[in-house]
């Protein structure tokens, strides 16, 4: 595994980026600047983790990429098809079964009624949940609900998947299992994934690239590129080593902001 800092030249993209963030800043009203001059490119099919302390603007940046808000300055380019978003809460319709929650996304996408059931079941099978298709959310565990939410996000058939701390509320064992599921789905679908987290180990486990944001205001202060990601686990030595390096940088940022 190799890493590269932000002051090293980034490798040239052979194709147009899936997401381009160019000089983006964000301020809410007359308040302080939340994000300051963020410039990042995300390649098609890349798995990027945005990492930083609470309040550094990670979720704000994700909302800007999703088009849920507009930057104060700069511009963001995304695919014409847009992005699918998965949040920390599954936000499933409680009166609908797992299958029908996925079918709802298919219907909104314009998929004909005759195809929705089969496509929903195929998507649930993708996240290893086909046997729970007829269960309602209250009958599912937290991890299972997040799998349904992932299947629903995939049902939107967008090239970019934005994930805002989707596993933060889960226990460690369930989170580890969902890391494996997400990696498998990512490799199978080729989606560009932008994954927001404040968990250093999670970022080191999942990302092909980890981008560290500083706070007050949010700026890109460092990044790490991982050449070989297949076969990593949360307890892998290379994940532990990268976690230590990232944590050291994060502590520097926290101390700087505490002054």
Protein backbone atom coordinates (compact mmCIF):
# COMPACT_ATOMS: atom_id res chain seq x y z
CA UNK A 1 0.00 0.00 0.00
CA UNK A 2 1.35 3.42 -0.89
CA UNK A 3 0.18 6.86 0.08
CA UNK A 4 0.58 10.29 -1.45
CA UNK A 5 0.10 13.66 0.17
CA UNK A 6 -1.85 16.54 -1.32
CA UNK A 7 1.34 18.41 -2.17
CA UNK A 8 2.37 15.60 -4.53
CA UNK A 9 1.13 15.89 -8.12
CA UNK A 10 -2.05 13.93 -8.61
CA UNK A 11 -2.00 11.30 -11.37
CA UNK A 12 -3.59 12.53 -14.58
CA UNK A 13 -7.10 11.24 -15.21
CA UNK A 14 -7.37 9.25 -18.41
CA UNK A 15 -11.08 10.09 -18.66
CA UNK A 16 -13.23 12.98 -17.55
CA UNK A 17 -13.88 12.95 -13.78
CA UNK A 18 -17.21 11.67 -12.52
CA UNK A 19 -17.33 14.64 -10.12
CA UNK A 20 -15.33 17.87 -10.37
CA UNK A 21 -15.25 20.31 -7.46
CA UNK A 22 -13.55 23.54 -8.51
CA UNK A 23 -12.75 26.25 -5.95
CA UNK A 24 -15.91 25.61 -3.93
CA UNK A 25 -16.66 27.65 -0.82
CA UNK A 26 -19.80 27.69 1.31
CA UNK A 27 -21.14 30.16 3.85
CA UNK A 28 -24.60 30.04 5.40
CA UNK A 29 -26.01 33.57 5.55
CA UNK A 30 -23.81 35.91 7.52
CA UNK A 31 -22.18 33.07 9.45
CA UNK A 32 -18.57 31.91 9.20
CA UNK A 33 -17.21 30.20 6.10
CA UNK A 34 -17.92 26.46 6.36
CA UNK A 35 -15.97 25.32 3.30
CA UNK A 36 -13.12 27.27 1.76
CA UNK A 37 -11.75 26.80 -1.76
CA UNK A 38 -12.26 23.04 -2.10
CA UNK A 39 -10.88 21.60 -5.32
CA UNK A 40 -11.18 17.85 -5.92
CA UNK A 41 -11.75 15.45 -8.82
CA UNK A 42 -13.31 12.01 -8.35
CA UNK A 43 -12.59 9.53 -11.13
CA UNK A 44 -15.29 7.23 -12.58
CA UNK A 45 -15.50 4.10 -10.44
CA UNK A 46 -13.35 5.54 -7.66
CA UNK A 47 -14.12 4.95 -3.96
CA UNK A 48 -13.27 8.13 -2.04
CA UNK A 49 -13.65 8.61 1.71
CA UNK A 50 -14.08 12.15 3.05
CA UNK A 51 -12.76 12.22 6.58
CA UNK A 52 -12.57 14.89 9.25
CA UNK A 53 -13.59 15.95 12.72
CA UNK A 54 -17.22 16.76 13.47
CA UNK A 55 -18.19 20.14 12.05
CA UNK A 56 -15.52 20.26 9.33
CA UNK A 57 -18.11 20.46 6.54
CA UNK A 58 -18.07 16.87 5.22
CA UNK A 59 -21.84 16.56 5.04
CA UNK A 60 -22.15 20.09 3.66
CA UNK A 61 -19.82 19.16 0.82
CA UNK A 62 -21.80 15.98 0.15
CA UNK A 63 -25.04 17.99 0.00
CA UNK A 64 -23.45 20.36 -2.50
CA UNK A 65 -22.38 17.45 -4.71
CA UNK A 66 -25.90 16.02 -4.47
CA UNK A 67 -27.38 19.34 -5.57
CA UNK A 68 -29.31 19.71 -2.31
CA UNK A 69 -27.63 23.08 -1.78
CA UNK A 70 -25.56 25.51 -3.83
CA UNK A 71 -22.00 26.68 -3.21
CA UNK A 72 -21.38 30.32 -2.31
CA UNK A 73 -18.44 30.32 -4.72
CA UNK A 74 -16.91 27.90 -7.21
CA UNK A 75 -18.61 25.21 -9.23
CA UNK A 76 -19.39 21.51 -9.10
CA UNK A 77 -19.74 19.29 -12.16
CA UNK A 78 -21.58 15.98 -11.85
CA UNK A 79 -22.99 13.51 -14.38
CA UNK A 80 -26.22 14.57 -16.11
CA UNK A 81 -27.97 11.60 -14.47
CA UNK A 82 -27.19 13.03 -11.04
CA UNK A 83 -26.30 11.20 -7.83
CA UNK A 84 -28.01 8.80 -5.46
CA UNK A 85 -27.71 9.60 -1.76
CA UNK A 86 -27.67 7.26 1.24
CA UNK A 87 -27.86 8.79 4.72
CA UNK A 88 -27.11 7.57 8.24
CA UNK A 89 -30.80 6.80 8.76
CA UNK A 90 -32.31 4.32 6.31
CA UNK A 91 -35.48 6.47 5.97
CA UNK A 92 -37.52 3.52 4.69
CA UNK A 93 -41.27 3.81 4.34
CA UNK A 94 -42.44 1.85 7.42
CA UNK A 95 -45.70 0.66 5.83
CA UNK A 96 -43.92 -0.85 2.81
CA UNK A 97 -42.01 -4.13 2.63
CA UNK A 98 -38.33 -4.15 1.76
CA UNK A 99 -39.19 -5.05 -1.83
CA UNK A 100 -41.77 -2.31 -2.17
CA UNK A 101 -39.37 0.27 -0.72
CA UNK A 102 -36.98 -0.61 -3.55
CA UNK A 103 -39.85 -0.70 -6.06
CA UNK A 104 -40.74 2.86 -5.06
CA UNK A 105 -37.33 4.06 -6.25
CA UNK A 106 -37.80 2.10 -9.47
CA UNK A 107 -41.20 3.68 -10.03
CA UNK A 108 -39.79 7.17 -9.51
CA UNK A 109 -37.11 6.29 -12.07
CA UNK A 110 -39.83 5.40 -14.57
CA UNK A 111 -39.36 1.63 -14.63
CA UNK A 112 -42.57 -0.04 -15.94
CA UNK A 113 -44.72 -1.78 -13.34
CA UNK A 114 -44.27 -5.18 -15.01
CA UNK A 115 -40.50 -5.06 -14.40
CA UNK A 116 -40.39 -3.56 -10.93
CA UNK A 117 -40.85 -6.70 -8.84
CA UNK A 118 -38.12 -8.67 -10.58
CA UNK A 119 -35.71 -5.73 -10.58
CA UNK A 120 -36.36 -5.03 -6.89
CA UNK A 121 -35.72 -8.67 -6.01
CA UNK A 122 -32.52 -8.65 -8.06
CA UNK A 123 -31.32 -5.55 -6.22
CA UNK A 124 -32.13 -7.05 -2.84
CA UNK A 125 -30.24 -10.16 -3.92
CA UNK A 126 -27.28 -7.89 -4.76
CA UNK A 127 -27.14 -6.84 -1.09
CA UNK A 128 -27.82 -10.44 0.10
CA UNK A 129 -31.32 -9.65 1.35
CA UNK A 130 -33.65 -11.37 -1.12
CA UNK A 131 -34.99 -13.68 1.61
CA UNK A 132 -36.30 -10.66 3.56
CA UNK A 133 -38.06 -9.03 0.60
CA UNK A 134 -41.53 -9.23 2.17
CA UNK A 135 -40.55 -8.00 5.63
CA UNK A 136 -41.33 -4.47 6.77
CA UNK A 137 -38.66 -2.22 8.27
CA UNK A 138 -39.67 -2.89 11.88
CA UNK A 139 -39.00 -6.59 11.27
CA UNK A 140 -35.45 -5.93 10.12
CA UNK A 141 -32.29 -5.25 12.09
CA UNK A 142 -30.46 -1.96 11.69
CA UNK A 143 -27.92 -3.54 9.38
CA UNK A 144 -30.65 -5.11 7.25
CA UNK A 145 -32.45 -1.77 6.96
CA UNK A 146 -29.25 -0.18 5.71
CA UNK A 147 -28.93 -2.94 3.12
CA UNK A 148 -32.42 -2.13 1.90
CA UNK A 149 -31.45 1.54 1.77
CA UNK A 150 -28.39 0.60 -0.30
CA UNK A 151 -30.54 -1.46 -2.68
CA UNK A 152 -32.92 1.50 -2.98
CA UNK A 153 -30.01 3.83 -3.77
CA UNK A 154 -28.75 1.40 -6.43
CA UNK A 155 -32.28 1.28 -7.87
CA UNK A 156 -31.91 4.91 -8.87
CA UNK A 157 -29.24 3.74 -11.34
CA UNK A 158 -27.06 6.83 -10.91
CA UNK A 159 -23.33 6.69 -11.72
CA UNK A 160 -22.40 8.40 -8.42
CA UNK A 161 -23.40 7.14 -4.97
CA UNK A 162 -23.04 9.59 -2.08
CA UNK A 163 -23.01 8.05 1.40
CA UNK A 164 -23.23 10.19 4.54
CA UNK A 165 -22.00 8.11 7.51
CA UNK A 166 -24.38 5.27 6.61
CA UNK A 167 -22.96 2.81 9.15
CA UNK A 168 -22.27 5.17 12.07
CA UNK A 169 -25.20 3.94 14.21
CA UNK A 170 -24.38 0.23 13.81
CA UNK A 171 -22.40 -2.02 16.13
CA UNK A 172 -18.83 -2.89 15.14
CA UNK A 173 -19.55 -6.43 13.91
CA UNK A 174 -22.50 -5.36 11.75
CA UNK A 175 -20.50 -2.43 10.40
CA UNK A 176 -17.65 -4.76 9.43
CA UNK A 177 -20.06 -7.06 7.58
CA UNK A 178 -21.55 -4.12 5.71
CA UNK A 179 -18.08 -2.92 4.75
CA UNK A 180 -17.63 -6.25 2.98
CA UNK A 181 -21.04 -5.99 1.32
CA UNK A 182 -20.42 -2.43 0.17
CA UNK A 183 -17.01 -3.28 -1.26
CA UNK A 184 -18.48 -6.25 -3.12
CA UNK A 185 -21.33 -4.13 -4.53
CA UNK A 186 -18.92 -1.36 -5.52
CA UNK A 187 -16.68 -3.76 -7.42
CA UNK A 188 -19.69 -5.38 -9.11
CA UNK A 189 -21.41 -2.16 -10.17
CA UNK A 190 -18.51 0.18 -10.93
CA UNK A 191 -20.21 3.11 -9.18
CA UNK A 192 -18.24 6.16 -8.11
CA UNK A 193 -18.68 6.26 -4.32
CA UNK A 194 -18.09 9.30 -2.11
CA UNK A 195 -18.28 8.10 1.49
CA UNK A 196 -18.37 10.55 4.40
CA UNK A 197 -17.14 9.31 7.77
CA UNK A 198 -15.45 10.51 10.95
CA UNK A 199 -14.18 6.97 11.64
CA UNK A 200 -10.49 6.76 10.66
CA UNK A 201 -10.40 2.95 10.53
CA UNK A 202 -13.50 2.87 8.35
CA UNK A 203 -11.92 5.30 5.89
CA UNK A 204 -8.66 3.32 5.81
CA UNK A 205 -10.61 0.08 5.31
CA UNK A 206 -12.84 1.25 2.47
CA UNK A 207 -11.26 4.03 0.46
CA UNK A 208 -9.08 3.90 -2.62
CA UNK A 209 -8.45 7.50 -1.66
CA UNK A 210 -8.88 9.17 1.73
CA UNK A 211 -9.30 12.95 1.77
CA UNK A 212 -8.82 14.71 5.12
CA UNK A 213 -10.68 17.96 5.68
CA UNK A 214 -9.55 20.48 8.25
CA UNK A 215 -12.00 22.64 10.18
CA UNK A 216 -12.92 26.30 10.62
CA UNK A 217 -13.16 26.56 7.69
CA UNK A 218 -13.20 23.18 5.95
CA UNK A 219 -10.23 22.78 3.63
CA UNK A 220 -8.45 19.83 2.07
CA UNK A 221 -5.35 19.40 4.22
CA UNK A 222 -4.10 15.97 3.14
CA UNK A 223 -4.96 12.90 1.15
CA UNK A 224 -3.82 9.32 0.80
CA UNK A 225 -4.06 7.14 -2.32
CA UNK A 226 -4.09 3.37 -1.80
CA UNK A 227 -2.86 1.33 -4.76
CA UNK A 228 -4.15 -2.10 -3.72
CA UNK A 229 -7.42 -2.29 -1.81
CA UNK A 230 -8.69 -5.80 -2.51
CA UNK A 231 -8.64 -8.16 0.45
CA UNK A 232 -8.42 -5.48 3.14
CA UNK A 233 -10.19 -6.02 6.43
CA UNK A 234 -10.66 -3.72 9.39
CA UNK A 235 -7.98 -5.67 11.31
CA UNK A 236 -5.45 -5.79 8.42
CA UNK A 237 -1.95 -4.51 9.32
CA UNK A 238 -1.97 -2.08 6.40
CA UNK A 239 -5.29 -0.63 7.58
CA UNK A 240 -3.89 -0.22 11.08
CA UNK A 241 -0.72 1.48 9.78
CA UNK A 242 -2.66 3.89 7.58
CA UNK A 243 -5.06 4.62 10.44
CA UNK A 244 -2.17 5.66 12.68
CA UNK A 245 -0.80 7.99 10.00
CA UNK A 246 -4.18 9.58 9.34
CA UNK A 247 -4.95 9.90 13.05
CA UNK A 248 -1.69 11.77 13.61
CA UNK A 249 -2.68 14.28 10.92
CA UNK A 250 -6.20 14.57 12.30
CA UNK A 251 -4.87 15.28 15.80
CA UNK A 252 -2.70 18.07 14.39
CA UNK A 253 -5.78 19.65 12.84
CA UNK A 254 -7.79 19.32 16.05
CA UNK A 255 -4.97 20.91 18.08
CA UNK A 256 -4.60 23.72 15.55
CA UNK A 257 -8.31 24.52 15.77
CA UNK A 258 -8.28 24.40 19.58
CA UNK A 259 -5.84 27.34 19.75
